[in-house]
Amino acid sequence: MKIPARYAPILFGALLSAVMVTIVSAFVIATTQGLHPGFLGQWAKSCATTWPVAFVSVTLIAPVVRRLVARITA
């Protein structure tokens, strides 16, 4: 089953923000608190609470960034 192409920008925002939040939250927790017994639970909670913010941000900002890149590249 494929998702219709009209949903591509939303899917792009969802996937990009999920990957970004997963990587960045793991990095921040590991560098500030180290790897500890509760790391995975804390990481999961961090991802769950920050992903909605990242998703909305990426979805709203991506078109602006695309236009900016188009203006400054040949």
C-alpha atoms as a PDB file:
ATOM      1  CA  MET A   1       0.000   0.000   0.000  1.00  0.00           C
ATOM      2  CA  LYS A   2       1.400   3.373  -1.015  1.00  0.00           C
ATOM      3  CA  ILE A   3       0.606   6.776   0.431  1.00  0.00           C
ATOM      4  CA  PRO A   4      -0.726   9.299  -2.101  1.00  0.00           C
ATOM      5  CA  ALA A   5       1.877  11.814  -3.331  1.00  0.00           C
ATOM      6  CA  ARG A   6      -0.142  14.766  -2.020  1.00  0.00           C
ATOM      7  CA  TYR A   7       0.858  13.701   1.506  1.00  0.00           C
ATOM      8  CA  ALA A   8       4.584  13.722   0.670  1.00  0.00           C
ATOM      9  CA  PRO A   9       5.364  16.997   2.502  1.00  0.00           C
ATOM     10  CA  ILE A  10       3.671  15.767   5.679  1.00  0.00           C
ATOM     11  CA  LEU A  11       5.363  12.369   5.477  1.00  0.00           C
ATOM     12  CA  PHE A  12       8.713  14.067   4.841  1.00  0.00           C
ATOM     13  CA  GLY A  13       8.229  16.232   7.940  1.00  0.00           C
ATOM     14  CA  ALA A  14       7.174  13.271  10.053  1.00  0.00           C
ATOM     15  CA  LEU A  15      10.113  11.077   9.059  1.00  0.00           C
ATOM     16  CA  LEU A  16      12.760  13.793   9.145  1.00  0.00           C
ATOM     17  CA  SER A  17      11.633  15.072  12.533  1.00  0.00           C
ATOM     18  CA  ALA A  18      11.443  11.550  13.977  1.00  0.00           C
ATOM     19  CA  VAL A  19      14.996  10.750  12.878  1.00  0.00           C
ATOM     20  CA  MET A  20      16.279  14.136  14.031  1.00  0.00           C
ATOM     21  CA  VAL A  21      14.647  13.900  17.470  1.00  0.00           C
ATOM     22  CA  THR A  22      15.833  10.322  17.984  1.00  0.00           C
ATOM     23  CA  ILE A  23      19.460  11.164  17.217  1.00  0.00           C
ATOM     24  CA  VAL A  24      19.641  14.537  18.952  1.00  0.00           C
ATOM     25  CA  SER A  25      17.854  13.480  22.132  1.00  0.00           C
ATOM     26  CA  ALA A  26      20.107  10.431  22.515  1.00  0.00           C
ATOM     27  CA  PHE A  27      23.174  12.612  21.999  1.00  0.00           C
ATOM     28  CA  VAL A  28      22.056  15.280  24.476  1.00  0.00           C
ATOM     29  CA  ILE A  29      21.115  12.795  27.201  1.00  0.00           C
ATOM     30  CA  ALA A  30      24.307  10.770  26.715  1.00  0.00           C
ATOM     31  CA  THR A  31      26.571  13.830  26.810  1.00  0.00           C
ATOM     32  CA  THR A  32      24.875  15.538  29.750  1.00  0.00           C
ATOM     33  CA  GLN A  33      24.026  12.535  31.932  1.00  0.00           C
ATOM     34  CA  GLY A  34      26.015   9.666  30.503  1.00  0.00           C
ATOM     35  CA  LEU A  35      24.767   6.167  29.787  1.00  0.00           C
ATOM     36  CA  HIS A  36      22.956   5.062  32.915  1.00  0.00           C
ATOM     37  CA  PRO A  37      20.397   2.364  33.798  1.00  0.00           C
ATOM     38  CA  GLY A  38      17.404   4.635  33.076  1.00  0.00           C
ATOM     39  CA  PHE A  39      18.840   5.949  29.799  1.00  0.00           C
ATOM     40  CA  LEU A  40      16.469   4.116  27.441  1.00  0.00           C
ATOM     41  CA  GLY A  41      13.354   5.149  29.340  1.00  0.00           C
ATOM     42  CA  GLN A  42      14.482   8.742  29.559  1.00  0.00           C
ATOM     43  CA  TRP A  43      15.396   8.719  25.862  1.00  0.00           C
ATOM     44  CA  ALA A  44      11.965   7.358  24.906  1.00  0.00           C
ATOM     45  CA  LYS A  45      10.215   9.986  27.036  1.00  0.00           C
ATOM     46  CA  SER A  46      12.366  12.732  25.539  1.00  0.00           C
ATOM     47  CA  CYS A  47      11.547  11.576  22.005  1.00  0.00           C
ATOM     48  CA  ALA A  48       7.825  11.357  22.732  1.00  0.00           C
ATOM     49  CA  THR A  49       7.658  14.841  24.219  1.00  0.00           C
ATOM     50  CA  THR A  50       9.852  16.655  21.694  1.00  0.00           C
ATOM     51  CA  TRP A  51       8.763  14.973  18.461  1.00  0.00           C
ATOM     52  CA  PRO A  52       5.484  16.913  18.106  1.00  0.00           C
ATOM     53  CA  VAL A  53       7.385  20.197  18.347  1.00  0.00           C
ATOM     54  CA  ALA A  54       9.985  19.032  15.832  1.00  0.00           C
ATOM     55  CA  PHE A  55       7.314  17.737  13.443  1.00  0.00           C
ATOM     56  CA  VAL A  56       5.409  21.014  13.382  1.00  0.00           C
ATOM     57  CA  SER A  57       8.634  23.000  13.081  1.00  0.00           C
ATOM     58  CA  VAL A  58      10.006  20.950  10.191  1.00  0.00           C
ATOM     59  CA  THR A  59       6.670  20.905   8.386  1.00  0.00           C
ATOM     60  CA  LEU A  60       6.233  24.676   8.629  1.00  0.00           C
ATOM     61  CA  ILE A  61       9.852  25.697   8.076  1.00  0.00           C
ATOM     62  CA  ALA A  62      10.834  23.300   5.260  1.00  0.00           C
ATOM     63  CA  PRO A  63       9.046  25.254   2.479  1.00  0.00           C
ATOM     64  CA  VAL A  64      10.703  28.492   3.603  1.00  0.00           C
ATOM     65  CA  VAL A  65      14.133  26.849   3.656  1.00  0.00           C
ATOM     66  CA  ARG A  66      13.556  25.321   0.199  1.00  0.00           C
ATOM     67  CA  ARG A  67      12.726  28.779  -1.226  1.00  0.00           C
ATOM     68  CA  LEU A  68      15.758  30.308   0.474  1.00  0.00           C
ATOM     69  CA  VAL A  69      18.052  27.599  -0.899  1.00  0.00           C
ATOM     70  CA  ALA A  70      16.556  28.084  -4.386  1.00  0.00           C
ATOM     71  CA  ARG A  71      17.323  31.814  -4.189  1.00  0.00           C
ATOM     72  CA  ILE A  72      20.937  31.449  -3.113  1.00  0.00           C
ATOM     73  CA  THR A  73      21.979  28.591  -5.375  1.00  0.00           C
ATOM     74  CA  ALA A  74      22.668  28.627  -9.080  1.00  0.00           C
END
